[in-house]
Protein backbone atom coordinates (compact mmCIF):
# COMPACT_ATOMS: atom_id res chain seq x y z
CA MET A 1 -43.21 24.05 27.94
CA ASN A 2 -42.87 27.36 26.15
CA GLY A 3 -42.81 27.22 22.39
CA VAL A 4 -44.34 23.76 22.13
CA THR A 5 -47.40 23.21 19.93
CA ILE A 6 -49.46 20.05 19.64
CA ASP A 7 -51.36 19.45 16.44
CA ARG A 8 -52.55 16.81 13.94
CA PRO A 9 -49.94 16.58 11.20
CA ALA A 10 -50.69 16.85 7.48
CA ALA A 11 -49.48 14.65 4.69
CA LYS A 12 -46.59 17.08 4.04
CA ASP A 13 -45.13 16.02 7.44
CA ALA A 14 -44.71 12.38 6.39
CA ALA A 15 -40.99 12.53 5.56
CA GLU A 16 -40.11 14.34 8.78
CA ILE A 17 -42.14 11.83 10.87
CA LEU A 18 -40.51 8.81 9.20
CA GLU A 19 -37.04 10.24 9.77
CA LEU A 20 -37.82 11.07 13.41
CA MET A 21 -39.07 7.51 14.00
CA LYS A 22 -35.58 6.30 13.06
CA VAL A 23 -33.96 8.75 15.49
CA ILE A 24 -36.32 7.93 18.35
CA GLY A 25 -36.21 4.19 17.68
CA GLY A 26 -32.40 4.33 17.87
CA GLU A 27 -32.46 6.19 21.22
CA SER A 28 -34.52 3.74 23.22
CA ASP A 29 -35.38 0.08 23.67
CA ASN A 30 -38.83 1.04 25.10
CA LEU A 31 -40.62 1.11 21.74
CA THR A 32 -41.97 -1.43 19.27
CA PHE A 33 -39.53 -0.19 16.62
CA ASP A 34 -35.79 0.38 16.53
CA GLY A 35 -33.45 2.69 14.63
CA ARG A 36 -34.74 1.42 11.33
CA GLY A 37 -38.06 3.15 12.05
CA PHE A 38 -41.12 1.99 10.13
CA SER A 39 -41.02 0.28 6.78
CA LEU A 40 -43.43 2.68 5.14
CA THR A 41 -42.84 4.85 2.09
CA GLU A 42 -43.39 8.55 2.38
CA ALA A 43 -46.57 8.19 0.26
CA GLU A 44 -47.94 5.44 2.54
CA GLU A 45 -47.19 7.53 5.64
CA ALA A 46 -48.86 10.54 4.03
CA ALA A 47 -51.98 8.51 3.25
CA LEU A 48 -52.16 7.23 6.84
CA LEU A 49 -51.78 10.75 8.26
CA GLU A 50 -54.64 12.02 6.06
CA LYS A 51 -56.87 9.09 7.04
CA LYS A 52 -56.20 9.79 10.75
CA ARG A 53 -56.57 13.50 10.29
CA ILE A 54 -60.29 13.13 9.40
CA SER A 55 -61.12 10.12 11.62
CA CYS A 56 -63.20 10.41 14.76
CA ARG A 57 -62.04 6.96 15.99
CA GLU A 58 -58.26 7.33 15.71
CA ALA A 59 -55.84 10.21 15.83
CA PHE A 60 -52.21 11.05 15.49
CA PHE A 61 -50.69 14.11 17.15
CA VAL A 62 -47.23 15.67 16.97
CA ALA A 63 -45.42 18.00 19.35
CA ARG A 64 -43.31 20.71 17.70
CA THR A 65 -40.65 22.99 19.13
CA ASP A 66 -39.16 25.67 16.90
CA GLY A 67 -41.19 24.20 14.02
CA ARG A 68 -39.55 20.76 14.34
CA ILE A 69 -41.44 17.62 15.38
CA VAL A 70 -39.97 16.24 18.63
CA GLY A 71 -42.71 13.84 19.78
CA MET A 72 -45.72 11.91 18.62
CA ALA A 73 -48.74 10.18 20.13
CA HIS A 74 -51.59 8.21 18.69
CA TYR A 75 -55.00 6.93 19.81
CA THR A 76 -56.97 4.09 18.26
CA ALA A 77 -60.46 3.15 19.40
CA MET A 78 -61.48 -0.49 19.10
CA GLU A 79 -63.71 -1.37 16.17
CA LYS A 80 -65.74 -4.35 17.43
CA GLU A 81 -69.10 -3.36 18.95
CA ARG A 82 -68.46 -4.92 22.34
CA MET A 83 -65.06 -3.21 22.61
CA ALA A 84 -65.90 0.08 20.94
CA HIS A 85 -65.87 1.89 24.33
CA ARG A 86 -62.11 1.15 24.61
CA GLY A 87 -58.97 2.30 22.87
CA THR A 88 -55.20 2.23 23.06
CA VAL A 89 -52.60 4.97 23.22
CA GLY A 90 -48.93 5.09 22.30
CA ILE A 91 -46.38 7.90 22.63
CA CYS A 92 -42.73 8.55 21.78
CA ILE A 93 -40.58 11.60 22.31
CA ARG A 94 -37.08 12.46 21.12
CA LYS A 95 -34.60 11.95 23.97
CA SER A 96 -33.45 15.59 23.85
CA ALA A 97 -37.03 16.63 24.61
CA TRP A 98 -37.56 14.37 27.63
CA GLY A 99 -38.50 16.09 30.91
CA GLN A 100 -39.93 19.22 29.32
CA GLY A 101 -43.65 18.48 29.78
CA ILE A 102 -44.10 17.39 26.17
CA GLY A 103 -45.27 13.90 27.16
CA THR A 104 -47.91 15.38 29.48
CA ALA A 105 -49.15 17.77 26.77
CA LEU A 106 -49.34 15.02 24.16
CA MET A 107 -51.14 12.59 26.52
CA GLU A 108 -53.63 15.23 27.61
CA ARG A 109 -54.46 15.95 23.94
CA VAL A 110 -54.86 12.24 23.18
CA LEU A 111 -57.07 11.67 26.23
CA ASP A 112 -59.26 14.62 25.30
CA PHE A 113 -59.64 13.20 21.77
CA ALA A 114 -60.45 9.72 23.22
CA LYS A 115 -63.14 11.07 25.49
CA ASN A 116 -64.65 13.91 23.51
CA THR A 117 -64.26 12.82 19.90
CA ALA A 118 -63.99 9.04 19.90
CA GLY A 119 -66.48 8.73 22.81
CA SER A 120 -64.24 6.19 24.61
CA GLN A 121 -64.64 5.30 28.22
CA VAL A 122 -61.45 3.28 28.81
CA VAL A 123 -57.94 3.89 27.51
CA SER A 124 -55.17 1.31 27.90
CA LEU A 125 -51.44 1.13 27.18
CA GLU A 126 -48.43 -1.10 27.69
CA VAL A 127 -45.23 0.27 29.18
CA ARG A 128 -41.87 -1.37 29.84
CA CYS A 129 -41.82 -2.28 33.59
CA ASP A 130 -38.51 -0.47 34.15
CA ASN A 131 -39.48 2.72 32.31
CA ARG A 132 -40.00 4.74 35.51
CA GLY A 133 -40.33 8.13 33.75
CA ALA A 134 -43.14 6.93 31.54
CA ILE A 135 -44.90 5.11 34.36
CA ARG A 136 -44.79 8.29 36.51
CA LEU A 137 -46.33 10.24 33.61
CA TYR A 138 -49.16 7.75 33.17
CA GLU A 139 -49.84 7.52 36.93
CA LYS A 140 -49.94 11.38 37.09
CA LEU A 141 -52.62 11.28 34.40
CA GLY A 142 -54.69 8.71 36.29
CA PHE A 143 -53.61 5.42 34.70
CA GLU A 144 -53.41 2.40 36.98
CA LYS A 145 -51.46 -0.82 36.54
CA ILE A 146 -53.83 -3.76 35.98
CA GLY A 147 -51.32 -6.47 35.20
CA THR A 148 -47.98 -7.53 33.71
CA PHE A 149 -47.40 -8.93 30.28
CA LYS A 150 -44.45 -11.29 30.77
CA GLY A 151 -41.94 -11.38 27.90
CA PHE A 152 -43.81 -8.76 25.92
CA PHE A 153 -40.64 -7.66 24.05
CA LYS A 154 -37.55 -9.52 23.11
CA VAL A 155 -34.55 -7.19 22.70
CA ARG A 156 -31.11 -8.62 21.94
CA GLY A 157 -32.27 -12.03 23.12
CA GLU A 158 -33.69 -10.77 26.45
CA LEU A 159 -37.37 -11.12 27.29
CA ILE A 160 -38.75 -7.90 28.79
CA ASP A 161 -41.90 -7.54 30.83
CA PHE A 162 -44.40 -4.73 30.30
CA ASP A 163 -47.03 -3.31 32.64
CA ILE A 164 -50.57 -3.03 31.33
CA MET A 165 -52.20 0.18 32.44
CA GLU A 166 -55.63 1.66 31.97
CA LYS A 167 -57.61 4.82 32.73
CA PHE A 168 -61.36 5.29 32.91
CA LEU A 169 -62.42 8.57 31.30
């Protein structure tokens, strides 16, 4: 994983992130978005990045190689008092950067934030049942499958099941 840095992006990174979301969304049916990316303006994305940059309950991280963003991960802690000990994580990586340890580095950074900044005790995620690479990553980091969400996605008319996984910190 030489030459990879993980950091919290600044507002100036908004355009690059929005463009990369379109690329990543077009490369995989494993994500909540497709090749259209997100319907945010650059200004809206910049505002969200700044909000997350200073938050101790949610965070957004990017992985860079050669100065370019190739992957992203986010963590959001629950707000309601009885669920404030929990949070959710999501990750996406450009296909050309798969298998280079970037997912592990991003997830480790997110989990560190969840535990040591947000004070969370449980982290959960959903992953497409047939996404073996991602499932191996999550299991390597200590996540365990706790159930299946039937028909979680609908892609081109097909219902797709997702595993629900969690990790105690």
